[in-house]
Each structure stands twice: as C-alpha cells, then as structure tokens.
Amino acid sequence: MFLVHNERTKLTATWFNTLATAVIAAGFFGPVAALVYQLVPVAIGTGTIVAVAFGCLALGGVLHLLGLVFLRRLRA
C-alpha cells in the first residue's frame, strides 16, 4: 500500500548515506593521506588541514545520521 512512499524514502536515505561517504572520502581520507605522504603545500598549515579533515568527518557523520532519520519514515 505504501510501496512508492517507502521506495522514495529509501532512495533519499541512500542518497544521504552516499553523500556522507563521499564527504568523508574526499574531505578526511584525502588530507590525511596528503599529510602522511607529505604532499601538503607549505602555505597551508597542518592544523588547518587537520581541522578541515575532522570537520568533514563530522559532516559525513551528520549526513549519515540524517539518512537514518529518513528511514524512520518507512510505513508498514
């Protein structure tokens, strides 16, 4: 009875989760790898890179939790 609603809800939750994965991959793992392999330009401080990396990690976590909130809207 609620098939269309449930599929749209699952699609939205999946979109948020995928966006969270992309933000974490690009914003956290990228800068961490750049620090490990010393690819960071001198003009950018290490503290700035660490702050941005953890900010992206937090944003990814929030987006993932937002996807979980959407899953609560599923109807039986």
C-alpha atoms as a PDB file:
ATOM      1  CA  MET A   1       0.000   0.000   0.000  1.00  0.00           C
ATOM      2  CA  PHE A   2       2.839   2.408   0.807  1.00  0.00           C
ATOM      3  CA  LEU A   3       5.312   0.976  -1.705  1.00  0.00           C
ATOM      4  CA  VAL A   4       6.027   4.213  -3.579  1.00  0.00           C
ATOM      5  CA  HIS A   5       6.445   6.187  -0.355  1.00  0.00           C
ATOM      6  CA  ASN A   6       8.794   3.567   1.100  1.00  0.00           C
ATOM      7  CA  GLU A   7      10.924   3.369  -2.057  1.00  0.00           C
ATOM      8  CA  ARG A   8      11.270   7.148  -2.208  1.00  0.00           C
ATOM      9  CA  THR A   9      12.190   7.219   1.456  1.00  0.00           C
ATOM     10  CA  LYS A  10      14.832   4.515   0.977  1.00  0.00           C
ATOM     11  CA  LEU A  11      16.195   6.346  -2.077  1.00  0.00           C
ATOM     12  CA  THR A  12      16.541   9.584  -0.087  1.00  0.00           C
ATOM     13  CA  ALA A  13      18.247   7.775   2.801  1.00  0.00           C
ATOM     14  CA  THR A  14      20.635   6.093   0.370  1.00  0.00           C
ATOM     15  CA  TRP A  15      21.441   9.443  -1.229  1.00  0.00           C
ATOM     16  CA  PHE A  16      22.351  10.960   2.151  1.00  0.00           C
ATOM     17  CA  ASN A  17      24.477   7.950   3.053  1.00  0.00           C
ATOM     18  CA  THR A  18      26.315   8.079  -0.290  1.00  0.00           C
ATOM     19  CA  LEU A  19      26.904  11.805   0.126  1.00  0.00           C
ATOM     20  CA  ALA A  20      28.292  11.127   3.606  1.00  0.00           C
ATOM     21  CA  THR A  21      30.678   8.542   2.163  1.00  0.00           C
ATOM     22  CA  ALA A  22      31.890  10.993  -0.488  1.00  0.00           C
ATOM     23  CA  VAL A  23      32.433  13.794   2.037  1.00  0.00           C
ATOM     24  CA  ILE A  24      34.411  11.509   4.333  1.00  0.00           C
ATOM     25  CA  ALA A  25      36.473  10.054   1.484  1.00  0.00           C
ATOM     26  CA  ALA A  26      37.349  13.403  -0.098  1.00  0.00           C
ATOM     27  CA  GLY A  27      37.464  15.588   2.988  1.00  0.00           C
ATOM     28  CA  PHE A  28      39.015  13.255   5.553  1.00  0.00           C
ATOM     29  CA  PHE A  29      40.993  10.487   3.889  1.00  0.00           C
ATOM     30  CA  GLY A  30      42.423  12.770   1.188  1.00  0.00           C
ATOM     31  CA  PRO A  31      44.000  15.289   3.569  1.00  0.00           C
ATOM     32  CA  VAL A  32      45.182  12.563   5.941  1.00  0.00           C
ATOM     33  CA  ALA A  33      46.919  10.784   3.049  1.00  0.00           C
ATOM     34  CA  ALA A  34      48.440  14.102   1.966  1.00  0.00           C
ATOM     35  CA  LEU A  35      49.844  14.587   5.468  1.00  0.00           C
ATOM     36  CA  VAL A  36      51.186  11.041   5.663  1.00  0.00           C
ATOM     37  CA  TYR A  37      52.921  11.276   2.278  1.00  0.00           C
ATOM     38  CA  GLN A  38      53.994  14.899   2.858  1.00  0.00           C
ATOM     39  CA  LEU A  39      52.136  16.306  -0.141  1.00  0.00           C
ATOM     40  CA  VAL A  40      50.862  19.355   1.743  1.00  0.00           C
ATOM     41  CA  PRO A  41      51.861  22.768   0.367  1.00  0.00           C
ATOM     42  CA  VAL A  42      53.862  24.920   2.752  1.00  0.00           C
ATOM     43  CA  ALA A  43      51.290  27.750   2.592  1.00  0.00           C
ATOM     44  CA  ILE A  44      48.660  25.570   4.276  1.00  0.00           C
ATOM     45  CA  GLY A  45      49.274  24.766   7.902  1.00  0.00           C
ATOM     46  CA  THR A  46      48.963  21.277   9.286  1.00  0.00           C
ATOM     47  CA  GLY A  47      46.472  22.471  11.888  1.00  0.00           C
ATOM     48  CA  THR A  48      44.192  23.825   9.174  1.00  0.00           C
ATOM     49  CA  ILE A  49      44.274  20.544   7.284  1.00  0.00           C
ATOM     50  CA  VAL A  50      43.539  18.550  10.428  1.00  0.00           C
ATOM     51  CA  ALA A  51      40.639  20.877  11.297  1.00  0.00           C
ATOM     52  CA  VAL A  52      39.142  20.561   7.816  1.00  0.00           C
ATOM     53  CA  ALA A  53      39.597  16.784   7.866  1.00  0.00           C
ATOM     54  CA  PHE A  54      37.797  16.370  11.169  1.00  0.00           C
ATOM     55  CA  GLY A  55      35.123  18.843  10.091  1.00  0.00           C
ATOM     56  CA  CYS A  56      34.434  16.706   7.027  1.00  0.00           C
ATOM     57  CA  LEU A  57      34.400  13.583   9.179  1.00  0.00           C
ATOM     58  CA  ALA A  58      31.797  15.203  11.443  1.00  0.00           C
ATOM     59  CA  LEU A  59      29.740  16.409   8.459  1.00  0.00           C
ATOM     60  CA  GLY A  60      29.792  12.895   6.999  1.00  0.00           C
ATOM     61  CA  GLY A  61      28.563  11.504  10.301  1.00  0.00           C
ATOM     62  CA  VAL A  62      25.726  14.030  10.432  1.00  0.00           C
ATOM     63  CA  LEU A  63      24.690  13.218   6.856  1.00  0.00           C
ATOM     64  CA  HIS A  64      24.687   9.501   7.671  1.00  0.00           C
ATOM     65  CA  LEU A  65      22.509  10.116  10.722  1.00  0.00           C
ATOM     66  CA  LEU A  66      20.171  12.220   8.575  1.00  0.00           C
ATOM     67  CA  GLY A  67      19.789   9.204   6.291  1.00  0.00           C
ATOM     68  CA  LEU A  68      18.844   7.115   9.315  1.00  0.00           C
ATOM     69  CA  VAL A  69      16.235   9.719  10.280  1.00  0.00           C
ATOM     70  CA  PHE A  70      14.661   9.353   6.844  1.00  0.00           C
ATOM     71  CA  LEU A  71      14.457   5.580   7.312  1.00  0.00           C
ATOM     72  CA  ARG A  72      12.252   6.140  10.353  1.00  0.00           C
ATOM     73  CA  ARG A  73       9.590   7.434   7.954  1.00  0.00           C
ATOM     74  CA  LEU A  74       9.042   3.993   6.433  1.00  0.00           C
ATOM     75  CA  ARG A  75       5.433   2.855   6.677  1.00  0.00           C
ATOM     76  CA  ALA A  76       4.203  -0.675   7.239  1.00  0.00           C
END
